[in-house]
């Protein structure tokens, strides 16, 4: 997990979008804790797939996300990883000026 030292408007906007997608899944996923626990049980054989702190930092634009975690998060959000990546690239590019 690579933590950034300064905030990035692009990463903040990306994190906000990921949080919106999580919350749009339904009230049983409103909290990060419920989301992680429920998705662990539903999709990942009850194995730990992301920490609460890491998800918080991603959703607040404080951390980059690895490809491995990105794919797991896309699955948990019921998103095609390629489509989600395209959406994130668009947000990033539009934030760059």
N, C-alpha and C. Protein backbone atom coordinates (compact mmCIF):
# COMPACT_ATOMS: atom_id res chain seq x y z
N UNK A 1 0.86 -1.16 0.00
CA UNK A 1 0.00 0.00 0.00
C UNK A 1 0.90 1.22 0.00
N UNK A 2 0.76 2.05 -1.00
CA UNK A 2 1.57 3.24 -1.13
C UNK A 2 0.77 4.46 -0.68
N UNK A 3 1.19 5.06 0.40
CA UNK A 3 0.48 6.23 0.91
C UNK A 3 1.09 7.48 0.31
N UNK A 4 0.23 8.41 -0.08
CA UNK A 4 0.67 9.65 -0.68
C UNK A 4 0.88 10.70 0.40
N UNK A 5 1.80 11.62 0.16
CA UNK A 5 2.07 12.68 1.12
C UNK A 5 1.20 13.90 0.91
N UNK A 6 0.76 14.16 -0.30
CA UNK A 6 -0.08 15.33 -0.54
C UNK A 6 -1.36 14.89 -1.21
N UNK A 7 -2.41 15.67 -0.99
CA UNK A 7 -3.69 15.28 -1.56
C UNK A 7 -3.73 15.61 -3.05
N UNK A 8 -4.48 14.85 -3.77
CA UNK A 8 -4.64 15.00 -5.20
C UNK A 8 -6.13 15.14 -5.49
N UNK A 9 -6.49 16.21 -6.17
CA UNK A 9 -7.89 16.42 -6.52
C UNK A 9 -8.43 15.24 -7.32
N UNK A 10 -7.63 14.71 -8.21
CA UNK A 10 -8.07 13.57 -9.03
C UNK A 10 -8.34 12.35 -8.15
N UNK A 11 -7.43 12.05 -7.22
CA UNK A 11 -7.64 10.88 -6.37
C UNK A 11 -8.82 11.07 -5.44
N UNK A 12 -9.04 12.27 -4.99
CA UNK A 12 -10.21 12.55 -4.14
C UNK A 12 -11.49 12.30 -4.94
N UNK A 13 -11.55 12.79 -6.17
CA UNK A 13 -12.74 12.58 -7.00
C UNK A 13 -12.95 11.10 -7.33
N UNK A 14 -11.86 10.40 -7.59
CA UNK A 14 -11.95 8.96 -7.86
C UNK A 14 -12.47 8.24 -6.61
N UNK A 15 -11.92 8.57 -5.46
CA UNK A 15 -12.37 7.96 -4.21
C UNK A 15 -13.84 8.22 -3.94
N UNK A 16 -14.28 9.45 -4.20
CA UNK A 16 -15.69 9.77 -4.01
C UNK A 16 -16.57 8.94 -4.93
N UNK A 17 -16.12 8.74 -6.15
CA UNK A 17 -16.91 7.94 -7.11
C UNK A 17 -16.98 6.48 -6.66
N UNK A 18 -15.88 5.95 -6.16
CA UNK A 18 -15.89 4.57 -5.67
C UNK A 18 -16.81 4.43 -4.46
N UNK A 19 -16.79 5.42 -3.58
CA UNK A 19 -17.69 5.40 -2.43
C UNK A 19 -19.15 5.45 -2.87
N UNK A 20 -19.46 6.28 -3.86
CA UNK A 20 -20.83 6.35 -4.40
C UNK A 20 -21.27 4.99 -4.93
N UNK A 21 -20.38 4.33 -5.65
CA UNK A 21 -20.71 3.02 -6.21
C UNK A 21 -20.96 2.00 -5.09
N UNK A 22 -20.16 2.05 -4.03
CA UNK A 22 -20.36 1.14 -2.90
C UNK A 22 -21.72 1.38 -2.27
N UNK A 23 -22.04 2.61 -2.00
CA UNK A 23 -23.30 2.94 -1.34
C UNK A 23 -24.51 2.64 -2.23
N UNK A 24 -24.32 2.72 -3.54
CA UNK A 24 -25.41 2.44 -4.48
C UNK A 24 -25.79 0.95 -4.50
N UNK A 25 -24.95 0.10 -3.96
CA UNK A 25 -25.25 -1.33 -3.93
C UNK A 25 -26.39 -1.66 -2.98
N UNK A 26 -26.68 -0.78 -2.05
CA UNK A 26 -27.78 -1.00 -1.11
C UNK A 26 -27.37 -0.70 0.31
N UNK A 27 -28.38 -0.61 1.16
CA UNK A 27 -28.11 -0.20 2.54
C UNK A 27 -27.24 -1.18 3.31
N UNK A 28 -27.22 -2.43 2.89
CA UNK A 28 -26.38 -3.40 3.58
C UNK A 28 -24.89 -3.17 3.31
N UNK A 29 -24.57 -2.21 2.42
CA UNK A 29 -23.18 -1.89 2.09
C UNK A 29 -22.84 -0.43 2.40
N UNK A 30 -23.70 0.26 3.14
CA UNK A 30 -23.48 1.69 3.42
C UNK A 30 -22.21 1.93 4.21
N UNK A 31 -21.96 1.12 5.22
CA UNK A 31 -20.72 1.31 5.98
C UNK A 31 -19.61 0.48 5.34
N UNK A 32 -18.40 0.97 5.46
CA UNK A 32 -17.26 0.23 4.92
C UNK A 32 -17.13 -1.13 5.59
N UNK A 33 -17.36 -1.17 6.90
CA UNK A 33 -17.24 -2.43 7.63
C UNK A 33 -18.21 -3.48 7.09
N UNK A 34 -19.47 -3.06 6.89
CA UNK A 34 -20.47 -3.99 6.35
C UNK A 34 -20.10 -4.42 4.93
N UNK A 35 -19.66 -3.48 4.14
CA UNK A 35 -19.27 -3.78 2.76
C UNK A 35 -18.16 -4.83 2.73
N UNK A 36 -17.12 -4.60 3.50
CA UNK A 36 -15.98 -5.53 3.51
C UNK A 36 -16.42 -6.91 4.02
N UNK A 37 -17.14 -6.93 5.12
CA UNK A 37 -17.57 -8.20 5.72
C UNK A 37 -18.54 -8.95 4.79
N UNK A 38 -19.55 -8.24 4.29
CA UNK A 38 -20.54 -8.89 3.42
C UNK A 38 -19.91 -9.41 2.14
N UNK A 39 -19.08 -8.60 1.52
CA UNK A 39 -18.46 -9.03 0.26
C UNK A 39 -17.47 -10.15 0.50
N UNK A 40 -16.80 -10.13 1.64
CA UNK A 40 -15.90 -11.23 1.97
C UNK A 40 -16.68 -12.53 2.02
N UNK A 41 -17.83 -12.51 2.69
CA UNK A 41 -18.66 -13.71 2.79
C UNK A 41 -19.28 -14.09 1.45
N UNK A 42 -19.75 -13.12 0.70
CA UNK A 42 -20.49 -13.37 -0.54
C UNK A 42 -19.59 -13.73 -1.73
N UNK A 43 -18.41 -13.14 -1.77
CA UNK A 43 -17.59 -13.28 -2.98
C UNK A 43 -16.21 -13.92 -2.78
N UNK A 44 -15.65 -13.77 -1.59
CA UNK A 44 -14.25 -14.13 -1.42
C UNK A 44 -14.03 -15.25 -0.41
N UNK A 45 -15.03 -16.10 -0.22
CA UNK A 45 -14.87 -17.25 0.66
C UNK A 45 -14.52 -16.89 2.09
N UNK A 46 -15.04 -15.77 2.56
CA UNK A 46 -14.82 -15.27 3.92
C UNK A 46 -13.36 -14.91 4.20
N UNK A 47 -12.56 -14.75 3.14
CA UNK A 47 -11.16 -14.35 3.31
C UNK A 47 -11.05 -12.83 3.30
N UNK A 48 -10.05 -12.33 4.03
CA UNK A 48 -9.79 -10.89 4.03
C UNK A 48 -9.31 -10.48 2.65
N UNK A 49 -9.94 -9.48 2.09
CA UNK A 49 -9.58 -9.04 0.73
C UNK A 49 -9.13 -7.59 0.70
N UNK A 50 -9.52 -6.81 1.69
CA UNK A 50 -9.07 -5.42 1.82
C UNK A 50 -9.27 -5.01 3.26
N UNK A 51 -8.39 -4.18 3.76
CA UNK A 51 -8.55 -3.72 5.14
C UNK A 51 -9.45 -2.49 5.17
N UNK A 52 -10.06 -2.28 6.31
CA UNK A 52 -10.92 -1.12 6.50
C UNK A 52 -10.14 0.17 6.27
N UNK A 53 -8.96 0.23 6.82
CA UNK A 53 -8.13 1.43 6.67
C UNK A 53 -7.78 1.70 5.20
N UNK A 54 -7.43 0.64 4.48
CA UNK A 54 -7.06 0.82 3.08
C UNK A 54 -8.26 1.31 2.26
N UNK A 55 -9.43 0.72 2.48
CA UNK A 55 -10.63 1.17 1.76
C UNK A 55 -10.94 2.63 2.11
N UNK A 56 -10.85 2.97 3.39
CA UNK A 56 -11.08 4.36 3.81
C UNK A 56 -10.13 5.29 3.07
N UNK A 57 -8.85 4.94 3.05
CA UNK A 57 -7.85 5.79 2.40
C UNK A 57 -8.07 5.91 0.90
N UNK A 58 -8.51 4.85 0.26
CA UNK A 58 -8.81 4.90 -1.17
C UNK A 58 -10.00 5.82 -1.41
N UNK A 59 -11.05 5.64 -0.61
CA UNK A 59 -12.26 6.46 -0.80
C UNK A 59 -12.05 7.93 -0.45
N UNK A 60 -10.99 8.23 0.28
CA UNK A 60 -10.69 9.61 0.61
C UNK A 60 -9.51 10.17 -0.18
N UNK A 61 -9.07 9.44 -1.20
CA UNK A 61 -8.00 9.93 -2.07
C UNK A 61 -6.64 10.02 -1.41
N UNK A 62 -6.41 9.21 -0.38
CA UNK A 62 -5.15 9.25 0.35
C UNK A 62 -4.17 8.17 -0.09
N UNK A 63 -4.68 7.15 -0.76
CA UNK A 63 -3.84 6.03 -1.20
C UNK A 63 -4.07 5.71 -2.66
N UNK A 64 -3.00 5.27 -3.30
CA UNK A 64 -3.13 4.64 -4.59
C UNK A 64 -3.71 3.26 -4.34
N UNK A 65 -4.15 2.61 -5.40
CA UNK A 65 -4.66 1.24 -5.28
C UNK A 65 -3.87 0.36 -6.24
N UNK A 66 -3.46 -0.80 -5.76
CA UNK A 66 -2.73 -1.73 -6.62
C UNK A 66 -3.70 -2.35 -7.62
N UNK A 67 -3.16 -2.91 -8.66
CA UNK A 67 -3.98 -3.59 -9.67
C UNK A 67 -4.75 -4.75 -9.04
N UNK A 68 -4.08 -5.51 -8.20
CA UNK A 68 -4.73 -6.65 -7.54
C UNK A 68 -5.93 -6.18 -6.72
N UNK A 69 -5.74 -5.17 -5.89
CA UNK A 69 -6.84 -4.67 -5.06
C UNK A 69 -7.91 -3.99 -5.91
N UNK A 70 -7.50 -3.35 -6.99
CA UNK A 70 -8.46 -2.72 -7.89
C UNK A 70 -9.42 -3.76 -8.48
N UNK A 71 -8.88 -4.88 -8.92
CA UNK A 71 -9.72 -5.93 -9.51
C UNK A 71 -10.67 -6.50 -8.46
N UNK A 72 -10.16 -6.74 -7.25
CA UNK A 72 -11.02 -7.23 -6.17
C UNK A 72 -12.11 -6.22 -5.83
N UNK A 73 -11.74 -4.94 -5.77
CA UNK A 73 -12.71 -3.90 -5.47
C UNK A 73 -13.75 -3.80 -6.58
N UNK A 74 -13.33 -3.88 -7.83
CA UNK A 74 -14.28 -3.85 -8.95
C UNK A 74 -15.27 -5.01 -8.83
N UNK A 75 -14.77 -6.18 -8.54
CA UNK A 75 -15.67 -7.33 -8.35
C UNK A 75 -16.65 -7.07 -7.21
N UNK A 76 -16.14 -6.54 -6.10
CA UNK A 76 -16.99 -6.26 -4.94
C UNK A 76 -18.04 -5.20 -5.26
N UNK A 77 -17.70 -4.28 -6.15
CA UNK A 77 -18.64 -3.23 -6.56
C UNK A 77 -19.56 -3.68 -7.70
N UNK A 78 -19.39 -4.93 -8.13
CA UNK A 78 -20.17 -5.49 -9.23
C UNK A 78 -19.96 -4.69 -10.52
N UNK A 79 -18.70 -4.33 -10.74
CA UNK A 79 -18.31 -3.56 -11.92
C UNK A 79 -17.31 -4.38 -12.73
N UNK A 80 -17.37 -4.24 -14.04
CA UNK A 80 -16.34 -4.82 -14.89
C UNK A 80 -15.06 -4.01 -14.66
N UNK A 81 -13.96 -4.66 -14.31
CA UNK A 81 -12.73 -3.90 -14.03
C UNK A 81 -12.29 -3.00 -15.17
N UNK A 82 -12.44 -3.44 -16.40
CA UNK A 82 -12.03 -2.61 -17.54
C UNK A 82 -12.88 -1.36 -17.66
N UNK A 83 -14.18 -1.51 -17.47
CA UNK A 83 -15.07 -0.34 -17.54
C UNK A 83 -14.82 0.61 -16.38
N UNK A 84 -14.61 0.06 -15.20
CA UNK A 84 -14.33 0.90 -14.04
C UNK A 84 -13.01 1.63 -14.22
N UNK A 85 -12.01 0.95 -14.76
CA UNK A 85 -10.72 1.59 -15.00
C UNK A 85 -10.87 2.74 -16.00
N UNK A 86 -11.64 2.51 -17.05
CA UNK A 86 -11.88 3.57 -18.03
C UNK A 86 -12.54 4.78 -17.37
N UNK A 87 -13.51 4.54 -16.52
CA UNK A 87 -14.19 5.62 -15.81
C UNK A 87 -13.20 6.40 -14.93
N UNK A 88 -12.33 5.67 -14.24
CA UNK A 88 -11.33 6.30 -13.38
C UNK A 88 -10.33 7.11 -14.20
N UNK A 89 -9.93 6.59 -15.34
CA UNK A 89 -9.01 7.34 -16.21
C UNK A 89 -9.66 8.64 -16.66
N UNK A 90 -10.93 8.59 -17.00
CA UNK A 90 -11.63 9.80 -17.42
C UNK A 90 -11.70 10.83 -16.29
N UNK A 91 -11.97 10.38 -15.09
CA UNK A 91 -12.00 11.30 -13.93
C UNK A 91 -10.60 11.89 -13.73
N UNK A 92 -9.59 11.05 -13.80
CA UNK A 92 -8.22 11.52 -13.61
C UNK A 92 -7.83 12.56 -14.65
N UNK A 93 -8.10 12.24 -15.90
CA UNK A 93 -7.76 13.18 -16.98
C UNK A 93 -8.50 14.50 -16.87
N UNK A 94 -9.77 14.44 -16.52
CA UNK A 94 -10.56 15.68 -16.42
C UNK A 94 -10.10 16.53 -15.23
N UNK A 95 -9.46 15.93 -14.27
CA UNK A 95 -8.97 16.66 -13.09
C UNK A 95 -7.61 17.29 -13.35
N UNK A 96 -6.96 16.91 -14.43
CA UNK A 96 -5.60 17.39 -14.71
C UNK A 96 -5.56 18.72 -15.47
N UNK A 97 -6.71 19.24 -15.78
CA UNK A 97 -6.69 20.55 -16.43
C UNK A 97 -7.36 20.51 -17.71
